[in-house]
Amino acid sequence: MSEAELRGSIAADPDDVHVETDWTRAVVGLPPRKRGIHIRLDEDVLTWFRKMGKGYQTMINNVLRAFVESRSQTGSHLGDGKTRHAARRRGAAHRAMS
């Protein structure tokens, strides 16, 4: 098969999307090391993630990472814990109404 025939065959392949790969968000290097911990989650939150199937713990990690990165970019953090305690009270109230 000639070079021209090979290129023609590739171009005609319906499974090849012919789209340039976007490397702008690529990360060079190894992912951060993970550490096993014990964490307590609200039952409904855990159930929701588990329904996503295999890899639900990675999804939880990704959600937490996105939260940390969003706070890092704005310079915001949880501060003195008032936000954390308010969220806990809202969660308790929500569970009590369920």
PDB file of N, CA and C in Angstrom:
ATOM      1  N   MET A   1       0.857  -1.171   0.000  1.00  0.00           N
ATOM      2  CA  MET A   1       0.000   0.000   0.000  1.00  0.00           C
ATOM      3  C   MET A   1       0.904   1.234   0.000  1.00  0.00           C
ATOM      4  N   SER A   2       0.603   2.152  -0.881  1.00  0.00           N
ATOM      5  CA  SER A   2       1.412   3.367  -0.977  1.00  0.00           C
ATOM      6  C   SER A   2       1.010   4.358   0.125  1.00  0.00           C
ATOM      7  N   GLU A   3       1.814   5.375   0.309  1.00  0.00           N
ATOM      8  CA  GLU A   3       1.532   6.428   1.289  1.00  0.00           C
ATOM      9  C   GLU A   3       0.208   7.114   0.973  1.00  0.00           C
ATOM     10  N   ALA A   4      -0.040   7.390  -0.314  1.00  0.00           N
ATOM     11  CA  ALA A   4      -1.279   8.051  -0.734  1.00  0.00           C
ATOM     12  C   ALA A   4      -2.488   7.160  -0.455  1.00  0.00           C
ATOM     13  N   GLU A   5      -2.364   5.860  -0.714  1.00  0.00           N
ATOM     14  CA  GLU A   5      -3.454   4.933  -0.441  1.00  0.00           C
ATOM     15  C   GLU A   5      -3.744   4.837   1.064  1.00  0.00           C
ATOM     16  N   LEU A   6      -2.677   4.827   1.852  1.00  0.00           N
ATOM     17  CA  LEU A   6      -2.830   4.771   3.295  1.00  0.00           C
ATOM     18  C   LEU A   6      -3.555   6.014   3.810  1.00  0.00           C
ATOM     19  N   ARG A   7      -3.141   7.205   3.361  1.00  0.00           N
ATOM     20  CA  ARG A   7      -3.802   8.450   3.779  1.00  0.00           C
ATOM     21  C   ARG A   7      -5.275   8.460   3.336  1.00  0.00           C
ATOM     22  N   GLY A   8      -5.546   7.969   2.121  1.00  0.00           N
ATOM     23  CA  GLY A   8      -6.916   7.895   1.630  1.00  0.00           C
ATOM     24  C   GLY A   8      -7.765   6.959   2.461  1.00  0.00           C
ATOM     25  N   SER A   9      -7.182   5.839   2.869  1.00  0.00           N
ATOM     26  CA  SER A   9      -7.888   4.873   3.691  1.00  0.00           C
ATOM     27  C   SER A   9      -8.208   5.467   5.062  1.00  0.00           C
ATOM     28  N   ILE A  10      -7.249   6.178   5.630  1.00  0.00           N
ATOM     29  CA  ILE A  10      -7.471   6.822   6.931  1.00  0.00           C
ATOM     30  C   ILE A  10      -8.554   7.888   6.813  1.00  0.00           C
ATOM     31  N   ALA A  11      -8.511   8.687   5.768  1.00  0.00           N
ATOM     32  CA  ALA A  11      -9.493   9.759   5.567  1.00  0.00           C
ATOM     33  C   ALA A  11     -10.902   9.195   5.376  1.00  0.00           C
ATOM     34  N   ALA A  12     -11.004   8.007   4.788  1.00  0.00           N
ATOM     35  CA  ALA A  12     -12.310   7.404   4.520  1.00  0.00           C
ATOM     36  C   ALA A  12     -12.863   6.636   5.722  1.00  0.00           C
ATOM     37  N   ASP A  13     -12.065   6.462   6.763  1.00  0.00           N
ATOM     38  CA  ASP A  13     -12.486   5.690   7.929  1.00  0.00           C
ATOM     39  C   ASP A  13     -13.571   6.443   8.702  1.00  0.00           C
ATOM     40  N   PRO A  14     -14.805   5.898   8.790  1.00  0.00           N
ATOM     41  CA  PRO A  14     -15.886   6.604   9.495  1.00  0.00           C
ATOM     42  C   PRO A  14     -15.667   6.679  11.007  1.00  0.00           C
ATOM     43  N   ASP A  15     -14.810   5.830  11.558  1.00  0.00           N
ATOM     44  CA  ASP A  15     -14.543   5.856  12.998  1.00  0.00           C
ATOM     45  C   ASP A  15     -13.499   6.896  13.384  1.00  0.00           C
ATOM     46  N   ASP A  16     -12.799   7.438  12.409  1.00  0.00           N
ATOM     47  CA  ASP A  16     -11.798   8.471  12.677  1.00  0.00           C
ATOM     48  C   ASP A  16     -12.493   9.824  12.590  1.00  0.00           C
ATOM     49  N   VAL A  17     -12.524  10.563  13.702  1.00  0.00           N
ATOM     50  CA  VAL A  17     -13.279  11.818  13.752  1.00  0.00           C
ATOM     51  C   VAL A  17     -12.549  12.984  13.081  1.00  0.00           C
ATOM     52  N   HIS A  18     -11.311  12.810  12.709  1.00  0.00           N
ATOM     53  CA  HIS A  18     -10.541  13.836  11.994  1.00  0.00           C
ATOM     54  C   HIS A  18     -10.521  15.166  12.735  1.00  0.00           C
ATOM     55  N   VAL A  19     -10.423  15.115  14.056  1.00  0.00           N
ATOM     56  CA  VAL A  19     -10.393  16.329  14.857  1.00  0.00           C
ATOM     57  C   VAL A  19      -9.015  16.459  15.504  1.00  0.00           C
ATOM     58  N   GLU A  20      -8.490  17.661  15.456  1.00  0.00           N
ATOM     59  CA  GLU A  20      -7.203  17.941  16.105  1.00  0.00           C
ATOM     60  C   GLU A  20      -7.368  17.788  17.612  1.00  0.00           C
ATOM     61  N   THR A  21      -6.423  17.138  18.262  1.00  0.00           N
ATOM     62  CA  THR A  21      -6.471  16.960  19.707  1.00  0.00           C
ATOM     63  C   THR A  21      -6.160  18.276  20.396  1.00  0.00           C
ATOM     64  N   ASP A  22      -6.993  18.639  21.381  1.00  0.00           N
ATOM     65  CA  ASP A  22      -6.783  19.862  22.161  1.00  0.00           C
ATOM     66  C   ASP A  22      -5.883  19.526  23.350  1.00  0.00           C
ATOM     67  N   TRP A  23      -4.652  19.985  23.301  1.00  0.00           N
ATOM     68  CA  TRP A  23      -3.681  19.691  24.345  1.00  0.00           C
ATOM     69  C   TRP A  23      -3.556  20.833  25.357  1.00  0.00           C
ATOM     70  N   THR A  24      -4.420  21.860  25.285  1.00  0.00           N
ATOM     71  CA  THR A  24      -4.257  23.034  26.151  1.00  0.00           C
ATOM     72  C   THR A  24      -4.443  22.715  27.630  1.00  0.00           C
ATOM     73  N   ARG A  25      -5.193  21.680  27.950  1.00  0.00           N
ATOM     74  CA  ARG A  25      -5.418  21.333  29.354  1.00  0.00           C
ATOM     75  C   ARG A  25      -4.609  20.110  29.790  1.00  0.00           C
ATOM     76  N   ALA A  26      -3.679  19.683  28.944  1.00  0.00           N
ATOM     77  CA  ALA A  26      -2.861  18.522  29.275  1.00  0.00           C
ATOM     78  C   ALA A  26      -1.930  18.854  30.439  1.00  0.00           C
ATOM     79  N   VAL A  27      -1.665  17.851  31.253  1.00  0.00           N
ATOM     80  CA  VAL A  27      -0.788  18.010  32.402  1.00  0.00           C
ATOM     81  C   VAL A  27       0.393  17.073  32.214  1.00  0.00           C
ATOM     82  N   VAL A  28       1.585  17.620  32.369  1.00  0.00           N
ATOM     83  CA  VAL A  28       2.795  16.821  32.234  1.00  0.00           C
ATOM     84  C   VAL A  28       3.172  16.285  33.605  1.00  0.00           C
ATOM     85  N   GLY A  29       3.468  15.015  33.681  1.00  0.00           N
ATOM     86  CA  GLY A  29       3.898  14.432  34.940  1.00  0.00           C
ATOM     87  C   GLY A  29       2.904  13.430  35.478  1.00  0.00           C
ATOM     88  N   LEU A  30       3.213  12.944  36.651  1.00  0.00           N
ATOM     89  CA  LEU A  30       2.376  11.950  37.302  1.00  0.00           C
ATOM     90  C   LEU A  30       1.299  12.638  38.130  1.00  0.00           C
ATOM     91  N   PRO A  31       0.139  11.989  38.288  1.00  0.00           N
ATOM     92  CA  PRO A  31      -0.889  12.578  39.146  1.00  0.00           C
ATOM     93  C   PRO A  31      -0.409  12.577  40.593  1.00  0.00           C
ATOM     94  N   PRO A  32      -0.988  13.451  41.411  1.00  0.00           N
ATOM     95  CA  PRO A  32      -0.588  13.468  42.824  1.00  0.00           C
ATOM     96  C   PRO A  32      -0.843  12.111  43.467  1.00  0.00           C
ATOM     97  N   ARG A  33      -0.007  11.773  44.407  1.00  0.00           N
ATOM     98  CA  ARG A  33      -0.161  10.501  45.121  1.00  0.00           C
ATOM     99  C   ARG A  33      -1.445  10.532  45.949  1.00  0.00           C
ATOM    100  N   LYS A  34      -2.167   9.440  45.954  1.00  0.00           N
ATOM    101  CA  LYS A  34      -3.398   9.351  46.729  1.00  0.00           C
ATOM    102  C   LYS A  34      -3.105   8.693  48.067  1.00  0.00           C
ATOM    103  N   ARG A  35      -3.901   9.055  49.031  1.00  0.00           N
ATOM    104  CA  ARG A  35      -3.744   8.532  50.386  1.00  0.00           C
ATOM    105  C   ARG A  35      -5.081   7.963  50.843  1.00  0.00           C
ATOM    106  N   GLY A  36      -5.063   6.752  51.338  1.00  0.00           N
ATOM    107  CA  GLY A  36      -6.280   6.136  51.827  1.00  0.00           C
ATOM    108  C   GLY A  36      -6.688   6.734  53.170  1.00  0.00           C
ATOM    109  N   ILE A  37      -7.958   7.108  53.274  1.00  0.00           N
ATOM    110  CA  ILE A  37      -8.487   7.667  54.518  1.00  0.00           C
ATOM    111  C   ILE A  37      -9.868   7.074  54.784  1.00  0.00           C
ATOM    112  N   HIS A  38     -10.396   7.348  55.938  1.00  0.00           N
ATOM    113  CA  HIS A  38     -11.777   6.999  56.262  1.00  0.00           C
ATOM    114  C   HIS A  38     -12.536   8.314  56.293  1.00  0.00           C
ATOM    115  N   ILE A  39     -13.621   8.411  55.550  1.00  0.00           N
ATOM    116  CA  ILE A  39     -14.401   9.646  55.493  1.00  0.00           C
ATOM    117  C   ILE A  39     -15.873   9.306  55.664  1.00  0.00           C
ATOM    118  N   ARG A  40     -16.574  10.135  56.420  1.00  0.00           N
ATOM    119  CA  ARG A  40     -18.008   9.933  56.623  1.00  0.00           C
ATOM    120  C   ARG A  40     -18.753  10.875  55.698  1.00  0.00           C
ATOM    121  N   LEU A  41     -19.633  10.319  54.872  1.00  0.00           N
ATOM    122  CA  LEU A  41     -20.423  11.099  53.921  1.00  0.00           C
ATOM    123  C   LEU A  41     -21.899  10.893  54.221  1.00  0.00           C
ATOM    124  N   ASP A  42     -22.696  11.890  53.911  1.00  0.00           N
ATOM    125  CA  ASP A  42     -24.144  11.727  54.037  1.00  0.00           C
ATOM    126  C   ASP A  42     -24.579  10.589  53.133  1.00  0.00           C
ATOM    127  N   GLU A  43     -25.530   9.799  53.615  1.00  0.00           N
ATOM    128  CA  GLU A  43     -25.986   8.611  52.891  1.00  0.00           C
ATOM    129  C   GLU A  43     -26.452   8.939  51.479  1.00  0.00           C
ATOM    130  N   ASP A  44     -27.229  10.036  51.327  1.00  0.00           N
ATOM    131  CA  ASP A  44     -27.746  10.374  50.000  1.00  0.00           C
ATOM    132  C   ASP A  44     -26.635  10.784  49.036  1.00  0.00           C
ATOM    133  N   VAL A  45     -25.604  11.433  49.555  1.00  0.00           N
ATOM    134  CA  VAL A  45     -24.472  11.838  48.713  1.00  0.00           C
ATOM    135  C   VAL A  45     -23.716  10.601  48.242  1.00  0.00           C
ATOM    136  N   LEU A  46     -23.427   9.704  49.170  1.00  0.00           N
ATOM    137  CA  LEU A  46     -22.712   8.475  48.815  1.00  0.00           C
ATOM    138  C   LEU A  46     -23.517   7.638  47.830  1.00  0.00           C
ATOM    139  N   THR A  47     -24.815   7.524  48.057  1.00  0.00           N
ATOM    140  CA  THR A  47     -25.678   6.763  47.150  1.00  0.00           C
ATOM    141  C   THR A  47     -25.632   7.342  45.749  1.00  0.00           C
ATOM    142  N   TRP A  48     -25.681   8.675  45.639  1.00  0.00           N
ATOM    143  CA  TRP A  48     -25.641   9.331  44.329  1.00  0.00           C
ATOM    144  C   TRP A  48     -24.350   8.999  43.596  1.00  0.00           C
ATOM    145  N   PHE A  49     -23.223   9.103  44.287  1.00  0.00           N
ATOM    146  CA  PHE A  49     -21.944   8.803  43.635  1.00  0.00           C
ATOM    147  C   PHE A  49     -21.848   7.323  43.281  1.00  0.00           C
ATOM    148  N   ARG A  50     -22.289   6.447  44.139  1.00  0.00           N
ATOM    149  CA  ARG A  50     -22.222   5.007  43.850  1.00  0.00           C
ATOM    150  C   ARG A  50     -23.063   4.631  42.639  1.00  0.00           C
ATOM    151  N   LYS A  51     -24.165   5.355  42.421  1.00  0.00           N
ATOM    152  CA  LYS A  51     -24.998   5.094  41.244  1.00  0.00           C
ATOM    153  C   LYS A  51     -24.253   5.398  39.950  1.00  0.00           C
ATOM    154  N   MET A  52     -23.201   6.200  40.030  1.00  0.00           N
ATOM    155  CA  MET A  52     -22.397   6.512  38.847  1.00  0.00           C
ATOM    156  C   MET A  52     -21.585   5.305  38.395  1.00  0.00           C
ATOM    157  N   GLY A  53     -21.455   4.315  39.269  1.00  0.00           N
ATOM    158  CA  GLY A  53     -20.768   3.084  38.899  1.00  0.00           C
ATOM    159  C   GLY A  53     -19.302   3.084  39.277  1.00  0.00           C
ATOM    160  N   LYS A  54     -18.578   2.218  38.589  1.00  0.00           N
ATOM    161  CA  LYS A  54     -17.157   2.038  38.859  1.00  0.00           C
ATOM    162  C   LYS A  54     -16.434   3.376  38.750  1.00  0.00           C
ATOM    163  N   GLY A  55     -15.569   3.634  39.689  1.00  0.00           N
ATOM    164  CA  GLY A  55     -14.809   4.872  39.687  1.00  0.00           C
ATOM    165  C   GLY A  55     -15.463   5.993  40.480  1.00  0.00           C
ATOM    166  N   TYR A  56     -16.472   5.651  41.280  1.00  0.00           N
ATOM    167  CA  TYR A  56     -17.178   6.712  42.014  1.00  0.00           C
ATOM    168  C   TYR A  56     -16.260   7.406  43.014  1.00  0.00           C
ATOM    169  N   GLN A  57     -15.288   6.707  43.588  1.00  0.00           N
ATOM    170  CA  GLN A  57     -14.369   7.346  44.523  1.00  0.00           C
ATOM    171  C   GLN A  57     -13.486   8.364  43.798  1.00  0.00           C
ATOM    172  N   THR A  58     -13.103   8.050  42.569  1.00  0.00           N
ATOM    173  CA  THR A  58     -12.336   9.002  41.766  1.00  0.00           C
ATOM    174  C   THR A  58     -13.186  10.225  41.464  1.00  0.00           C
ATOM    175  N   MET A  59     -14.479  10.025  41.205  1.00  0.00           N
ATOM    176  CA  MET A  59     -15.368  11.170  40.960  1.00  0.00           C
ATOM    177  C   MET A  59     -15.474  12.052  42.200  1.00  0.00           C
ATOM    178  N   ILE A  60     -15.570  11.430  43.372  1.00  0.00           N
ATOM    179  CA  ILE A  60     -15.611  12.208  44.608  1.00  0.00           C
ATOM    180  C   ILE A  60     -14.326  13.020  44.735  1.00  0.00           C
ATOM    181  N   ASN A  61     -13.196  12.397  44.459  1.00  0.00           N
ATOM    182  CA  ASN A  61     -11.914  13.093  44.515  1.00  0.00           C
ATOM    183  C   ASN A  61     -11.895  14.262  43.527  1.00  0.00           C
ATOM    184  N   ASN A  62     -12.417  14.050  42.315  1.00  0.00           N
ATOM    185  CA  ASN A  62     -12.436  15.108  41.303  1.00  0.00           C
ATOM    186  C   ASN A  62     -13.308  16.287  41.734  1.00  0.00           C
ATOM    187  N   VAL A  63     -14.441  15.996  42.360  1.00  0.00           N
ATOM    188  CA  VAL A  63     -15.315  17.065  42.854  1.00  0.00           C
ATOM    189  C   VAL A  63     -14.595  17.864  43.942  1.00  0.00           C
ATOM    190  N   LEU A  64     -13.950  17.161  44.857  1.00  0.00           N
ATOM    191  CA  LEU A  64     -13.212  17.847  45.920  1.00  0.00           C
ATOM    192  C   LEU A  64     -12.054  18.663  45.355  1.00  0.00           C
ATOM    193  N   ARG A  65     -11.349  18.106  44.363  1.00  0.00           N
ATOM    194  CA  ARG A  65     -10.241  18.839  43.739  1.00  0.00           C
ATOM    195  C   ARG A  65     -10.746  20.106  43.053  1.00  0.00           C
ATOM    196  N   ALA A  66     -11.863  20.012  42.335  1.00  0.00           N
ATOM    197  CA  ALA A  66     -12.426  21.188  41.661  1.00  0.00           C
ATOM    198  C   ALA A  66     -12.797  22.252  42.687  1.00  0.00           C
ATOM    199  N   PHE A  67     -13.345  21.841  43.824  1.00  0.00           N
ATOM    200  CA  PHE A  67     -13.693  22.789  44.886  1.00  0.00           C
ATOM    201  C   PHE A  67     -12.439  23.485  45.408  1.00  0.00           C
ATOM    202  N   VAL A  68     -11.407  22.699  45.708  1.00  0.00           N
ATOM    203  CA  VAL A  68     -10.156  23.265  46.218  1.00  0.00           C
ATOM    204  C   VAL A  68      -9.556  24.234  45.203  1.00  0.00           C
ATOM    205  N   GLU A  69      -9.521  23.834  43.928  1.00  0.00           N
ATOM    206  CA  GLU A  69      -8.950  24.696  42.895  1.00  0.00           C
ATOM    207  C   GLU A  69      -9.762  25.970  42.721  1.00  0.00           C
ATOM    208  N   SER A  70     -11.091  25.899  42.816  1.00  0.00           N
ATOM    209  CA  SER A  70     -11.912  27.098  42.672  1.00  0.00           C
ATOM    210  C   SER A  70     -11.655  28.056  43.826  1.00  0.00           C
ATOM    211  N   ARG A  71     -11.465  27.522  45.013  1.00  0.00           N
ATOM    212  CA  ARG A  71     -11.162  28.365  46.176  1.00  0.00           C
ATOM    213  C   ARG A  71      -9.749  28.928  46.089  1.00  0.00           C
ATOM    214  N   SER A  72      -8.824  28.157  45.542  1.00  0.00           N
ATOM    215  CA  SER A  72      -7.441  28.622  45.412  1.00  0.00           C
ATOM    216  C   SER A  72      -7.342  29.772  44.426  1.00  0.00           C
ATOM    217  N   GLN A  73      -8.119  29.715  43.337  1.00  0.00           N
ATOM    218  CA  GLN A  73      -8.083  30.752  42.311  1.00  0.00           C
ATOM    219  C   GLN A  73      -8.658  32.066  42.818  1.00  0.00           C
ATOM    220  N   THR A  74      -9.655  32.001  43.697  1.00  0.00           N
ATOM    221  CA  THR A  74     -10.290  33.220  44.198  1.00  0.00           C
ATOM    222  C   THR A  74      -9.651  33.703  45.490  1.00  0.00           C
ATOM    223  N   GLY A  75      -8.769  32.905  46.046  1.00  0.00           N
ATOM    224  CA  GLY A  75      -8.151  33.261  47.315  1.00  0.00           C
ATOM    225  C   GLY A  75      -9.089  33.043  48.487  1.00  0.00           C
ATOM    226  N   SER A  76     -10.214  32.382  48.234  1.00  0.00           N
ATOM    227  CA  SER A  76     -11.210  32.139  49.259  1.00  0.00           C
ATOM    228  C   SER A  76     -10.936  30.814  49.948  1.00  0.00           C
ATOM    229  N   HIS A  77     -11.348  30.714  51.184  1.00  0.00           N
ATOM    230  CA  HIS A  77     -11.246  29.453  51.913  1.00  0.00           C
ATOM    231  C   HIS A  77     -12.364  29.413  52.936  1.00  0.00           C
ATOM    232  N   LEU A  78     -12.450  28.365  53.692  1.00  0.00           N
ATOM    233  CA  LEU A  78     -13.547  28.216  54.647  1.00  0.00           C
ATOM    234  C   LEU A  78     -13.358  29.057  55.898  1.00  0.00           C
ATOM    235  N   GLY A  79     -12.197  29.634  56.053  1.00  0.00           N
ATOM    236  CA  GLY A  79     -11.977  30.574  57.142  1.00  0.00           C
ATOM    237  C   GLY A  79     -12.145  29.976  58.517  1.00  0.00           C
ATOM    238  N   ASP A  80     -12.970  30.622  59.338  1.00  0.00           N
ATOM    239  CA  ASP A  80     -13.108  30.234  60.739  1.00  0.00           C
ATOM    240  C   ASP A  80     -14.074  29.084  60.960  1.00  0.00           C
ATOM    241  N   GLY A  81     -14.601  28.505  59.923  1.00  0.00           N
ATOM    242  CA  GLY A  81     -15.488  27.365  60.064  1.00  0.00           C
ATOM    243  C   GLY A  81     -16.957  27.729  60.048  1.00  0.00           C
ATOM    244  N   LYS A  82     -17.297  29.011  59.985  1.00  0.00           N
ATOM    245  CA  LYS A  82     -18.709  29.399  59.978  1.00  0.00           C
ATOM    246  C   LYS A  82     -19.434  28.814  58.776  1.00  0.00           C
ATOM    247  N   THR A  83     -18.796  28.831  57.617  1.00  0.00           N
ATOM    248  CA  THR A  83     -19.408  28.274  56.408  1.00  0.00           C
ATOM    249  C   THR A  83     -19.650  26.782  56.583  1.00  0.00           C
ATOM    250  N   ARG A  84     -18.672  26.103  57.129  1.00  0.00           N
ATOM    251  CA  ARG A  84     -18.774  24.656  57.324  1.00  0.00           C
ATOM    252  C   ARG A  84     -19.921  24.332  58.282  1.00  0.00           C
ATOM    253  N   HIS A  85     -20.025  25.080  59.387  1.00  0.00           N
ATOM    254  CA  HIS A  85     -21.077  24.817  60.352  1.00  0.00           C
ATOM    255  C   HIS A  85     -22.450  25.165  59.792  1.00  0.00           C
ATOM    256  N   ALA A  86     -22.539  26.223  59.006  1.00  0.00           N
ATOM    257  CA  ALA A  86     -23.822  26.588  58.388  1.00  0.00           C
ATOM    258  C   ALA A  86     -24.265  25.499  57.425  1.00  0.00           C
ATOM    259  N   ALA A  87     -23.333  24.966  56.653  1.00  0.00           N
ATOM    260  CA  ALA A  87     -23.660  23.891  55.707  1.00  0.00           C
ATOM    261  C   ALA A  87     -24.116  22.646  56.470  1.00  0.00           C
ATOM    262  N   ARG A  88     -23.485  22.366  57.590  1.00  0.00           N
ATOM    263  CA  ARG A  88     -23.861  21.202  58.386  1.00  0.00           C
ATOM    264  C   ARG A  88     -25.281  21.379  58.938  1.00  0.00           C
ATOM    265  N   ARG A  89     -25.617  22.594  59.395  1.00  0.00           N
ATOM    266  CA  ARG A  89     -26.961  22.843  59.904  1.00  0.00           C
ATOM    267  C   ARG A  89     -27.993  22.705  58.791  1.00  0.00           C
ATOM    268  N   ARG A  90     -27.680  23.219  57.576  1.00  0.00           N
ATOM    269  CA  ARG A  90     -28.615  23.083  56.453  1.00  0.00           C
ATOM    270  C   ARG A  90     -28.826  21.624  56.111  1.00  0.00           C
ATOM    271  N   GLY A  91     -27.735  20.824  56.131  1.00  0.00           N
ATOM    272  CA  GLY A  91     -27.837  19.406  55.824  1.00  0.00           C
ATOM    273  C   GLY A  91     -28.677  18.676  56.844  1.00  0.00           C
ATOM    274  N   ALA A  92     -28.509  19.012  58.125  1.00  0.00           N
ATOM    275  CA  ALA A  92     -29.276  18.365  59.184  1.00  0.00           C
ATOM    276  C   ALA A  92     -30.756  18.728  59.036  1.00  0.00           C
ATOM    277  N   ALA A  93     -31.021  19.985  58.705  1.00  0.00           N
ATOM    278  CA  ALA A  93     -32.416  20.420  58.530  1.00  0.00           C
ATOM    279  C   ALA A  93     -33.038  19.703  57.330  1.00  0.00           C
ATOM    280  N   HIS A  94     -32.271  19.555  56.264  1.00  0.00           N
ATOM    281  CA  HIS A  94     -32.777  18.872  55.079  1.00  0.00           C
ATOM    282  C   HIS A  94     -33.110  17.407  55.386  1.00  0.00           C
ATOM    283  N   ARG A  95     -32.228  16.747  56.115  1.00  0.00           N
ATOM    284  CA  ARG A  95     -32.465  15.345  56.462  1.00  0.00           C
ATOM    285  C   ARG A  95     -33.665  15.202  57.395  1.00  0.00           C
ATOM    286  N   ALA A  96     -33.860  16.167  58.282  1.00  0.00           N
ATOM    287  CA  ALA A  96     -34.985  16.106  59.213  1.00  0.00           C
ATOM    288  C   ALA A  96     -36.316  16.235  58.488  1.00  0.00           C
ATOM    289  N   MET A  97     -36.328  16.995  57.372  1.00  0.00           N
ATOM    290  CA  MET A  97     -37.559  17.185  56.607  1.00  0.00           C
ATOM    291  C   MET A  97     -37.850  16.012  55.691  1.00  0.00           C
ATOM    292  N   SER A  98     -36.849  15.177  55.418  1.00  0.00           N
ATOM    293  CA  SER A  98     -37.021  14.044  54.485  1.00  0.00           C
ATOM    294  C   SER A  98     -37.754  12.908  55.114  1.00  0.00           C
TER     295      SER A  98
END
